[in-house]
Amino acid sequence: MTLEDVTNIEQEAGKLAGKPQETVTSVANVSDQPASSRITQADFEEYYKHFLPFKSIYAWLNHSPLPNLKFGHREFAMEHFNTQYQRYCCFTSSNEFKDAIVKASPSRFEVGAIYNENLKNKIKGQKSANLKPVEKELNFDIDLTDYDDIRTCCAKTDICLKCWKFINLAVNIMDVTLREDFGFENLIWVFSGRRGVHCWVSDPRARVLDESKRRSIIEYVMLKSGKNGSDKLSLRKPYHPLVERALKMCTKSFQEIIMEDQDPWRDDEKAITHLAKTFPDSKLKDALTSKWKAQPGRSSLQKWKDVDELIEKGQYVSSRTIAGLNQDWKREIILSCLYPKLDIEVSRQLNHLLKSPFCIHPKTGNVCVPFDPKDGDFDPLSGPTLQKLFEERSEGRESCLKPYVEIFDRFVQGLNKEELAKRKTENKENLDF
C-alpha cells in the first residue's frame, strides 16, 4: 500500500465539499409490522410444498444424491409459529426431510452438525454420554448492524443499497481470503433475508475441523480482538499479505462508501471521538479538536483533509515522524471502517445451527437465496420474495427463484464431484495392499 493509494482519497475534496446527503429508500420497513399480519403458516406450507428445493439441499448436506448414514446423523432445528424452538430433528431420506418440514411448516429451519450417533435417542429424551458433533460446515456470519457506528443512511434492521456496499465488500474480501489463503473451493454465500449474509464452506477438510482449528481460522481472518472484532486494530509492520490485500480493496471503496455515501464524521462529536482522539500525536489531537469545534458541520472528507493541512503547517505536530504516523493512522481508519465484521461464535462452535438456504425470513418475506460474488454485487432489494413467487405461480410465469436454485445446484455438483473423487481415491488406497 503506497502513500499515493491512501492520499488519492482526498483529491476530490473540492468537488464534494458541502455536498448534501441524498435521500435513500430503505428496504421496505414491513419488518416493523407484526409478521402474522403479512405471512401465515399456510403461506409457509405453500412455499415448502411448491418452491423449496429439498432435493438440492439434501444432495448438499448428504454430500451425495444417494442416501448414506451421514444425513441421518445430521441435526436440524425448527422454529415454529408458536415460538417453540425444536432441536435435534433428524431425517433418513430426502422424502422424510420434505414431509416433516411441510407438515410442521415452521417459520424457519436450521442446519446443524453431523453427530457420531443417530439423534433419534436424543429426541426420545434418552441421554448419551458419547453423543457429540463431529462434522459441520465452516460458517461465517456478516451482519449490517455491526456497522451501525459508521453507517448513517440506515440503522438497526433497515438496509438500503448504500449501506449494503459494506456487505458486498466484506463478501469479496472474505471470499478471496478463504480461497487463496486456505485453498477452500466449495463456498456458497447466502442472503440472510434481512440485513446480512452467511457463508457455508463445505470442503471435506473444512467440515472436519475441530473447534480449536476453527478458532485459529477466525483469529487469522480477524484483524481486531474482542467480540465481533470490536476492539482496537492489531497491525504490525511489515503488514501481513492478508492485511495488504484487504487494505488495497478497502482503500478503493473508502471514498465512495465512507466519504460520499455515509459521511459519518460530519457529526463533529463522532469526528472528534473516531478521528481526532485516535491520532497518535497529542498535539495534533488537540489541534484537530479545536478546529472542528470552531468550524462545526464540515464534511468527513474536509476533516480527513484537515489532518494533512495541519501536519504541513508544522506547528501543530510534536514528532518528526508524524508523516509516517499519519499514513499508518489512515490505514487503520480505513480498515476499521470497512474490513469484514464477523460473528466469532458462529464460526467457532461445532454445535451452532444456522438458517438453511432458501428459508423465508418471516418478517420481510424475502427468500434467503444463495449468490456467487463472481457474478457481481448482490442486490438484496431485488431478490425473490414470497409474494413474488405466489404471484408468478398464479399467473403461470417462470419463477424468479430459478436462477438462484441453479447457482446452488452448480455449487452442489462441484462439491459432490469432489466427494466422489475423494471416495475413489480412498477405495483405491484400500485395495493397494
Protein backbone atom coordinates (compact mmCIF):
# COMPACT_ATOMS: atom_id res chain seq x y z
CA MET A 1 0.00 0.00 0.00
CA THR A 2 1.68 3.16 -1.18
CA LEU A 3 1.39 6.73 0.04
CA GLU A 4 -0.41 7.56 -3.20
CA ASP A 5 -3.01 4.83 -2.57
CA VAL A 6 -4.07 6.48 0.68
CA THR A 7 -3.80 10.15 -0.22
CA ASN A 8 -5.73 9.91 -3.51
CA ILE A 9 -8.90 9.76 -1.44
CA GLU A 10 -8.57 13.47 -0.76
CA GLN A 11 -8.25 14.62 -4.36
CA GLU A 12 -11.97 15.12 -4.79
CA ALA A 13 -12.36 17.28 -1.68
CA GLY A 14 -13.24 20.41 -3.60
CA LYS A 15 -15.97 18.66 -5.57
CA LEU A 16 -17.55 17.03 -2.54
CA ALA A 17 -17.25 19.83 -0.01
CA GLY A 18 -20.65 20.66 1.35
CA LYS A 19 -22.34 18.00 -0.77
CA PRO A 20 -25.74 17.24 0.83
CA GLN A 21 -26.74 13.73 1.78
CA GLU A 22 -29.01 12.01 -0.69
CA THR A 23 -32.37 10.69 0.38
CA VAL A 24 -32.19 6.91 0.42
CA THR A 25 -35.08 4.49 0.35
CA SER A 26 -34.52 1.63 2.76
CA VAL A 27 -35.68 -1.88 2.20
CA ALA A 28 -39.42 -1.78 2.81
CA ASN A 29 -39.95 -1.30 6.51
CA VAL A 30 -42.52 -4.06 6.60
CA SER A 31 -40.37 -5.59 9.32
CA ASP A 32 -41.98 -3.14 11.74
CA GLN A 33 -45.36 -4.76 11.18
CA PRO A 34 -46.42 -7.93 13.01
CA ALA A 35 -45.27 -10.93 10.96
CA SER A 36 -48.65 -12.62 11.44
CA SER A 37 -50.40 -9.81 9.54
CA ARG A 38 -48.32 -10.49 6.46
CA ILE A 39 -47.25 -14.13 6.32
CA THR A 40 -49.28 -17.01 7.68
CA GLN A 41 -48.32 -20.59 8.43
CA ALA A 42 -50.40 -21.60 5.42
CA ASP A 43 -48.15 -19.41 3.27
CA PHE A 44 -45.10 -21.24 4.57
CA GLU A 45 -46.75 -24.59 3.88
CA GLU A 46 -47.46 -23.49 0.31
CA TYR A 47 -43.86 -22.39 -0.12
CA TYR A 48 -42.42 -25.62 1.26
CA LYS A 49 -44.71 -27.72 -0.92
CA HIS A 50 -44.06 -26.00 -4.22
CA PHE A 51 -40.87 -23.94 -4.09
CA LEU A 52 -38.20 -25.00 -1.62
CA PRO A 53 -35.60 -27.19 -3.43
CA PHE A 54 -35.47 -30.07 -0.95
CA LYS A 55 -33.56 -32.40 -3.28
CA SER A 56 -30.83 -29.81 -3.79
CA ILE A 57 -30.49 -29.19 -0.06
CA TYR A 58 -30.46 -32.93 0.58
CA ALA A 59 -27.73 -33.53 -2.03
CA TRP A 60 -25.68 -30.76 -0.43
CA LEU A 61 -25.95 -31.90 3.19
CA ASN A 62 -25.77 -35.60 2.30
CA HIS A 63 -22.63 -34.97 0.20
CA SER A 64 -24.18 -37.21 -2.43
CA PRO A 65 -27.52 -37.56 -4.24
CA LEU A 66 -27.65 -41.13 -2.87
CA PRO A 67 -28.65 -41.95 0.74
CA ASN A 68 -25.96 -42.52 3.36
CA LEU A 69 -25.71 -42.59 7.13
CA LYS A 70 -24.33 -39.07 7.47
CA PHE A 71 -27.59 -37.35 6.60
CA GLY A 72 -29.39 -39.41 9.25
CA HIS A 73 -26.92 -38.15 11.86
CA ARG A 74 -27.37 -34.51 10.84
CA GLU A 75 -29.15 -32.19 13.28
CA PHE A 76 -31.94 -29.89 12.12
CA ALA A 77 -33.92 -27.42 14.20
CA MET A 78 -37.29 -25.79 13.61
CA GLU A 79 -38.67 -22.52 14.86
CA HIS A 80 -42.45 -22.87 14.96
CA PHE A 81 -45.12 -20.22 14.65
CA ASN A 82 -45.99 -20.63 18.33
CA THR A 83 -42.37 -19.53 19.07
CA GLN A 84 -41.39 -23.06 20.13
CA TYR A 85 -37.83 -23.95 19.14
CA GLN A 86 -37.32 -27.63 18.38
CA ARG A 87 -33.78 -29.02 18.23
CA TYR A 88 -32.30 -32.43 17.37
CA CYS A 89 -34.61 -33.22 14.47
CA CYS A 90 -33.16 -35.78 12.08
CA PHE A 91 -34.26 -37.47 8.86
CA THR A 92 -33.12 -40.54 6.97
CA SER A 93 -34.08 -39.54 3.44
CA SER A 94 -34.95 -36.63 1.20
CA ASN A 95 -38.64 -37.57 1.26
CA GLU A 96 -38.75 -37.81 5.05
CA PHE A 97 -36.99 -34.45 5.25
CA LYS A 98 -39.52 -32.78 2.97
CA ASP A 99 -42.56 -34.44 4.57
CA ALA A 100 -41.51 -33.32 8.05
CA ILE A 101 -40.86 -29.70 7.03
CA VAL A 102 -44.09 -29.43 5.04
CA LYS A 103 -46.11 -30.96 7.87
CA ALA A 104 -44.63 -28.67 10.55
CA SER A 105 -44.39 -25.62 8.24
CA PRO A 106 -42.02 -23.81 10.61
CA SER A 107 -41.24 -20.13 10.26
CA ARG A 108 -37.65 -21.26 9.66
CA PHE A 109 -35.50 -24.33 9.91
CA GLU A 110 -31.82 -24.50 10.69
CA VAL A 111 -28.95 -26.81 9.82
CA GLY A 112 -26.56 -28.13 12.43
CA ALA A 113 -23.73 -30.61 12.76
CA ILE A 114 -23.37 -34.28 11.91
CA TYR A 115 -23.18 -36.29 15.13
CA ASN A 116 -21.35 -39.50 15.87
CA GLU A 117 -24.64 -41.22 16.70
CA ASN A 118 -28.18 -41.16 15.39
CA LEU A 119 -30.18 -38.39 17.06
CA LYS A 120 -33.37 -40.43 17.43
CA ASN A 121 -32.45 -41.34 21.00
CA LYS A 122 -31.84 -37.68 21.82
CA ILE A 123 -35.30 -36.84 20.50
CA LYS A 124 -36.79 -39.54 22.73
CA GLY A 125 -35.11 -37.98 25.75
CA GLN A 126 -32.53 -40.70 26.24
CA LYS A 127 -29.18 -39.43 27.43
CA SER A 128 -25.95 -40.47 25.74
CA ALA A 129 -22.59 -39.52 27.17
CA ASN A 130 -20.97 -40.34 23.85
CA LEU A 131 -23.15 -38.07 21.67
CA LYS A 132 -21.05 -35.29 20.16
CA PRO A 133 -20.84 -33.25 16.95
CA VAL A 134 -18.06 -34.49 14.68
CA GLU A 135 -18.55 -32.67 11.40
CA LYS A 136 -20.05 -29.38 10.23
CA GLU A 137 -19.58 -26.82 7.50
CA LEU A 138 -17.38 -23.86 8.41
CA ASN A 139 -19.67 -20.84 8.66
CA PHE A 140 -19.20 -17.09 8.62
CA ASP A 141 -21.87 -14.52 9.51
CA ILE A 142 -21.74 -10.84 8.49
CA ASP A 143 -24.47 -8.51 9.78
CA LEU A 144 -25.05 -4.84 8.91
CA THR A 145 -25.92 -3.92 12.49
CA ASP A 146 -22.22 -4.36 13.30
CA TYR A 147 -21.60 -1.33 11.05
CA ASP A 148 -24.09 0.92 12.86
CA ASP A 149 -21.30 3.02 14.34
CA ILE A 150 -20.24 4.11 10.85
CA ARG A 151 -23.32 3.89 8.61
CA THR A 152 -25.67 6.89 8.62
CA CYS A 153 -28.20 6.05 5.91
CA CYS A 154 -29.94 3.34 7.96
CA ALA A 155 -29.85 1.77 11.41
CA LYS A 156 -30.74 -1.48 13.16
CA THR A 157 -32.77 -3.73 10.83
CA ASP A 158 -33.21 -1.24 7.99
CA ILE A 159 -30.99 -1.50 4.92
CA CYS A 160 -30.51 0.22 1.57
CA LEU A 161 -28.20 -0.17 -1.39
CA LYS A 162 -25.79 2.38 0.06
CA CYS A 163 -25.08 0.55 3.29
CA TRP A 164 -25.28 -2.84 1.58
CA LYS A 165 -21.96 -1.88 -0.04
CA PHE A 166 -20.37 -2.73 3.32
CA ILE A 167 -21.65 -6.29 2.93
CA ASN A 168 -20.63 -6.70 -0.70
CA LEU A 169 -17.11 -5.50 0.07
CA ALA A 170 -16.88 -7.81 3.10
CA VAL A 171 -18.04 -10.76 0.98
CA ASN A 172 -15.41 -10.05 -1.67
CA ILE A 173 -12.65 -9.78 0.93
CA MET A 174 -13.69 -12.97 2.72
CA ASP A 175 -14.22 -14.94 -0.48
CA VAL A 176 -10.72 -14.26 -1.78
CA THR A 177 -9.22 -14.88 1.68
CA LEU A 178 -10.88 -18.26 2.10
CA ARG A 179 -9.98 -19.35 -1.42
CA GLU A 180 -6.43 -18.03 -1.68
CA ASP A 181 -5.15 -18.28 1.89
CA PHE A 182 -6.82 -21.57 2.86
CA GLY A 183 -7.41 -23.18 -0.53
CA PHE A 184 -11.12 -23.75 0.08
CA GLU A 185 -13.12 -24.25 -3.11
CA ASN A 186 -16.67 -25.18 -2.14
CA LEU A 187 -18.12 -21.95 -0.75
CA ILE A 188 -21.67 -20.69 -1.03
CA TRP A 189 -22.86 -17.26 0.11
CA VAL A 190 -26.47 -16.88 1.24
CA PHE A 191 -28.55 -13.76 1.90
CA SER A 192 -29.96 -13.91 5.44
CA GLY A 193 -33.26 -12.42 4.25
CA ARG A 194 -32.89 -9.15 6.07
CA ARG A 195 -29.61 -7.41 6.91
CA GLY A 196 -26.75 -9.85 6.42
CA VAL A 197 -25.17 -12.84 4.74
CA HIS A 198 -23.94 -16.29 5.70
CA CYS A 199 -21.08 -18.24 4.18
CA TRP A 200 -21.01 -22.04 4.12
CA VAL A 201 -17.60 -23.61 3.46
CA SER A 202 -18.35 -27.23 2.57
CA ASP A 203 -14.93 -28.61 1.62
CA PRO A 204 -14.40 -32.02 3.30
CA ARG A 205 -11.34 -30.78 5.20
CA ALA A 206 -13.28 -27.73 6.43
CA ARG A 207 -16.15 -29.85 7.74
CA VAL A 208 -13.94 -31.99 9.99
CA LEU A 209 -12.17 -29.07 11.69
CA ASP A 210 -12.48 -29.16 15.47
CA GLU A 211 -13.30 -26.03 17.46
CA SER A 212 -9.67 -25.14 18.15
CA LYS A 213 -8.84 -25.17 14.43
CA ARG A 214 -11.97 -23.16 13.64
CA ARG A 215 -10.90 -20.62 16.24
CA SER A 216 -7.46 -20.44 14.62
CA ILE A 217 -9.03 -19.65 11.26
CA ILE A 218 -11.30 -16.94 12.63
CA GLU A 219 -8.39 -15.41 14.58
CA TYR A 220 -6.30 -15.37 11.41
CA VAL A 221 -9.06 -13.67 9.44
CA MET A 222 -10.00 -11.06 12.03
CA LEU A 223 -7.78 -8.01 12.45
CA LYS A 224 -9.36 -6.99 15.74
CA SER A 225 -9.77 -8.65 19.09
CA GLY A 226 -12.94 -8.61 21.17
CA LYS A 227 -16.44 -9.80 20.36
CA ASN A 228 -17.08 -9.48 16.62
CA GLY A 229 -13.74 -7.69 16.29
CA SER A 230 -14.91 -4.73 18.35
CA ASP A 231 -11.57 -3.81 19.93
CA LYS A 232 -8.64 -1.85 18.53
CA LEU A 233 -6.93 -2.97 15.34
CA SER A 234 -3.84 -5.07 15.88
CA LEU A 235 -1.50 -4.32 12.97
CA ARG A 236 2.23 -4.86 12.82
CA LYS A 237 4.75 -3.92 10.18
CA PRO A 238 5.62 -5.29 7.76
CA TYR A 239 1.95 -5.89 7.04
CA HIS A 240 0.84 -9.46 6.52
CA PRO A 241 -0.21 -10.22 2.90
CA LEU A 242 -3.79 -10.61 4.19
CA VAL A 243 -3.67 -7.03 5.50
CA GLU A 244 -2.05 -5.67 2.34
CA ARG A 245 -4.70 -7.29 0.12
CA ALA A 246 -7.60 -6.18 2.30
CA LEU A 247 -6.21 -2.66 2.59
CA LYS A 248 -5.98 -2.37 -1.18
CA MET A 249 -9.60 -3.50 -1.58
CA CYS A 250 -10.88 -1.25 1.21
CA THR A 251 -8.97 1.81 0.01
CA LYS A 252 -10.59 1.55 -3.42
CA SER A 253 -14.04 1.77 -1.81
CA PHE A 254 -13.30 4.14 1.06
CA GLN A 255 -14.12 7.42 -0.66
CA GLU A 256 -17.36 6.16 -2.21
CA ILE A 257 -18.73 4.29 0.80
CA ILE A 258 -17.47 6.37 3.70
CA MET A 259 -16.86 9.88 2.40
CA GLU A 260 -19.67 10.13 -0.14
CA ASP A 261 -22.41 7.68 0.88
CA GLN A 262 -22.17 7.76 4.68
CA ASP A 263 -20.28 10.96 5.62
CA PRO A 264 -20.21 9.82 9.28
CA TRP A 265 -17.80 12.47 10.55
CA ARG A 266 -19.94 15.43 9.56
CA ASP A 267 -21.16 14.80 13.10
CA ASP A 268 -18.49 16.75 14.99
CA GLU A 269 -18.64 14.71 18.20
CA LYS A 270 -18.25 11.50 16.23
CA ALA A 271 -15.36 13.02 14.27
CA ILE A 272 -13.59 14.02 17.47
CA THR A 273 -14.12 10.59 19.02
CA HIS A 274 -13.36 8.43 15.97
CA LEU A 275 -10.70 10.57 14.30
CA ALA A 276 -9.06 13.26 16.44
CA LYS A 277 -8.78 11.25 19.66
CA THR A 278 -7.37 8.21 17.85
CA PHE A 279 -4.48 10.09 16.23
CA PRO A 280 -1.09 9.04 17.71
CA ASP A 281 0.14 12.59 18.40
CA SER A 282 -1.26 14.56 21.33
CA LYS A 283 -0.53 17.98 19.88
CA LEU A 284 -2.35 17.22 16.64
CA LYS A 285 -5.25 15.67 18.55
CA ASP A 286 -5.81 18.97 20.33
CA ALA A 287 -5.43 20.98 17.12
CA LEU A 288 -7.98 18.88 15.25
CA THR A 289 -10.43 19.01 18.13
CA SER A 290 -10.16 22.80 18.36
CA LYS A 291 -10.56 23.26 14.61
CA TRP A 292 -13.65 21.09 14.37
CA LYS A 293 -15.30 22.74 17.35
CA ALA A 294 -14.60 26.16 15.86
CA GLN A 295 -15.87 25.16 12.40
CA PRO A 296 -18.74 22.72 13.03
CA GLY A 297 -20.62 20.72 10.40
CA ARG A 298 -17.87 20.31 7.84
CA SER A 299 -17.89 17.15 5.74
CA SER A 300 -16.00 13.96 6.52
CA LEU A 301 -13.75 14.50 3.52
CA GLN A 302 -12.90 18.04 4.60
CA LYS A 303 -11.99 16.78 8.07
CA TRP A 304 -9.93 13.98 6.55
CA LYS A 305 -8.01 16.62 4.59
CA ASP A 306 -7.61 18.79 7.70
CA VAL A 307 -5.18 16.23 9.11
CA ASP A 308 -2.77 16.71 6.21
CA GLU A 309 -3.12 20.50 6.24
CA LEU A 310 -2.29 20.78 9.94
CA ILE A 311 0.68 18.46 9.56
CA GLU A 312 2.01 20.54 6.67
CA LYS A 313 1.88 23.70 8.81
CA GLY A 314 4.32 22.06 11.21
CA GLN A 315 3.49 23.94 14.41
CA TYR A 316 0.71 21.50 15.30
CA VAL A 317 2.88 18.39 15.49
CA SER A 318 5.34 17.20 18.10
CA SER A 319 7.13 14.47 16.14
CA ARG A 320 9.33 14.47 13.07
CA THR A 321 7.94 11.05 12.14
CA ILE A 322 4.40 12.42 12.02
CA ALA A 323 4.04 11.92 8.25
CA GLY A 324 4.59 8.18 8.65
CA LEU A 325 2.24 8.07 11.63
CA ASN A 326 -0.38 9.86 9.56
CA GLN A 327 -0.32 7.22 6.83
CA ASP A 328 -0.42 4.36 9.35
CA TRP A 329 -3.31 6.03 11.16
CA LYS A 330 -5.25 6.46 7.91
CA ARG A 331 -4.73 2.82 7.00
CA GLU A 332 -6.10 1.79 10.39
CA ILE A 333 -9.13 4.05 9.99
CA ILE A 334 -9.85 2.64 6.52
CA LEU A 335 -9.66 -0.95 7.76
CA SER A 336 -11.66 -0.26 10.93
CA CYS A 337 -14.49 1.14 8.80
CA LEU A 338 -14.59 -1.40 6.00
CA TYR A 339 -12.90 -4.66 6.96
CA PRO A 340 -15.39 -7.54 7.49
CA LYS A 341 -17.00 -7.66 10.92
CA LEU A 342 -17.65 -11.30 11.81
CA ASP A 343 -19.57 -13.15 14.50
CA ILE A 344 -16.84 -15.26 16.11
CA GLU A 345 -19.08 -17.87 17.74
CA VAL A 346 -20.91 -18.72 14.51
CA SER A 347 -17.57 -19.74 13.01
CA ARG A 348 -16.09 -21.41 16.08
CA GLN A 349 -18.81 -23.59 17.57
CA LEU A 350 -19.45 -27.04 16.13
CA ASN A 351 -22.91 -27.22 17.67
CA HIS A 352 -24.04 -23.82 16.33
CA LEU A 353 -27.04 -24.03 13.99
CA LEU A 354 -27.59 -21.68 11.07
CA LYS A 355 -30.67 -20.92 8.99
CA SER A 356 -30.88 -23.06 5.87
CA PRO A 357 -30.55 -21.56 2.41
CA PHE A 358 -33.92 -20.91 0.75
CA CYS A 359 -35.76 -20.29 4.01
CA ILE A 360 -38.19 -17.36 4.11
CA HIS A 361 -37.46 -14.53 6.50
CA PRO A 362 -40.76 -14.33 8.41
CA LYS A 363 -40.60 -10.55 8.94
CA THR A 364 -39.61 -9.46 5.43
CA GLY A 365 -40.91 -12.26 3.21
CA ASN A 366 -37.51 -12.37 1.49
CA VAL A 367 -36.12 -15.70 0.33
CA CYS A 368 -32.68 -16.50 1.73
CA VAL A 369 -31.16 -17.04 -1.68
CA PRO A 370 -27.59 -18.09 -2.48
CA PHE A 371 -25.40 -15.92 -4.65
CA ASP A 372 -21.95 -16.01 -6.21
CA PRO A 373 -19.80 -12.88 -5.73
CA LYS A 374 -18.06 -13.71 -9.01
CA ASP A 375 -21.32 -12.76 -10.74
CA GLY A 376 -21.12 -9.23 -9.32
CA ASP A 377 -22.52 -7.46 -6.28
CA PHE A 378 -25.66 -8.95 -4.74
CA ASP A 379 -28.74 -6.71 -4.60
CA PRO A 380 -30.87 -7.54 -1.52
CA LEU A 381 -33.74 -5.33 -2.70
CA SER A 382 -34.42 -7.15 -5.96
CA GLY A 383 -34.35 -10.79 -4.85
CA PRO A 384 -37.25 -13.25 -4.68
CA THR A 385 -39.98 -12.71 -2.11
CA LEU A 386 -42.83 -14.94 -1.05
CA GLN A 387 -45.33 -12.56 -2.62
CA LYS A 388 -43.49 -12.56 -5.97
CA LEU A 389 -43.36 -16.35 -6.04
CA PHE A 390 -47.07 -16.70 -5.34
CA GLU A 391 -47.95 -14.11 -7.99
CA GLU A 392 -45.77 -15.82 -10.60
CA ARG A 393 -47.29 -19.20 -9.83
CA SER A 394 -50.87 -17.92 -10.06
CA GLU A 395 -50.08 -16.22 -13.39
CA GLY A 396 -48.21 -19.20 -14.81
CA ARG A 397 -44.92 -17.30 -15.14
CA GLU A 398 -41.43 -18.69 -14.67
CA SER A 399 -40.26 -18.50 -11.07
CA CYS A 400 -37.76 -15.79 -10.13
CA LEU A 401 -36.28 -18.39 -7.78
CA LYS A 402 -34.97 -20.49 -10.68
CA PRO A 403 -31.61 -18.72 -11.26
CA TYR A 404 -30.79 -18.95 -7.56
CA VAL A 405 -31.55 -22.67 -7.49
CA GLU A 406 -29.25 -23.03 -10.49
CA ILE A 407 -26.46 -21.22 -8.62
CA PHE A 408 -26.95 -23.57 -5.68
CA ASP A 409 -27.08 -26.68 -7.86
CA ARG A 410 -23.79 -25.75 -9.56
CA PHE A 411 -22.23 -25.40 -6.14
CA VAL A 412 -23.62 -28.79 -5.01
CA GLN A 413 -22.50 -30.52 -8.20
CA GLY A 414 -18.96 -29.21 -7.74
CA LEU A 415 -18.93 -30.36 -4.12
CA ASN A 416 -20.27 -33.82 -4.89
CA LYS A 417 -17.81 -34.22 -7.77
CA GLU A 418 -15.01 -33.62 -5.28
CA GLU A 419 -16.61 -36.04 -2.80
CA LEU A 420 -16.80 -38.74 -5.49
CA ALA A 421 -13.15 -38.25 -6.46
CA LYS A 422 -12.16 -38.45 -2.80
CA ARG A 423 -14.04 -41.73 -2.32
CA LYS A 424 -12.48 -43.25 -5.44
CA THR A 425 -9.03 -42.35 -4.14
CA GLU A 426 -9.80 -43.84 -0.73
CA ASN A 427 -11.17 -47.04 -2.29
CA LYS A 428 -8.06 -47.38 -4.47
CA GLU A 429 -5.80 -46.94 -1.46
CA ASN A 430 -7.74 -49.63 0.41
CA LEU A 431 -7.12 -52.06 -2.46
CA ASP A 432 -3.39 -51.33 -2.61
CA PHE A 433 -2.03 -53.76 -0.04
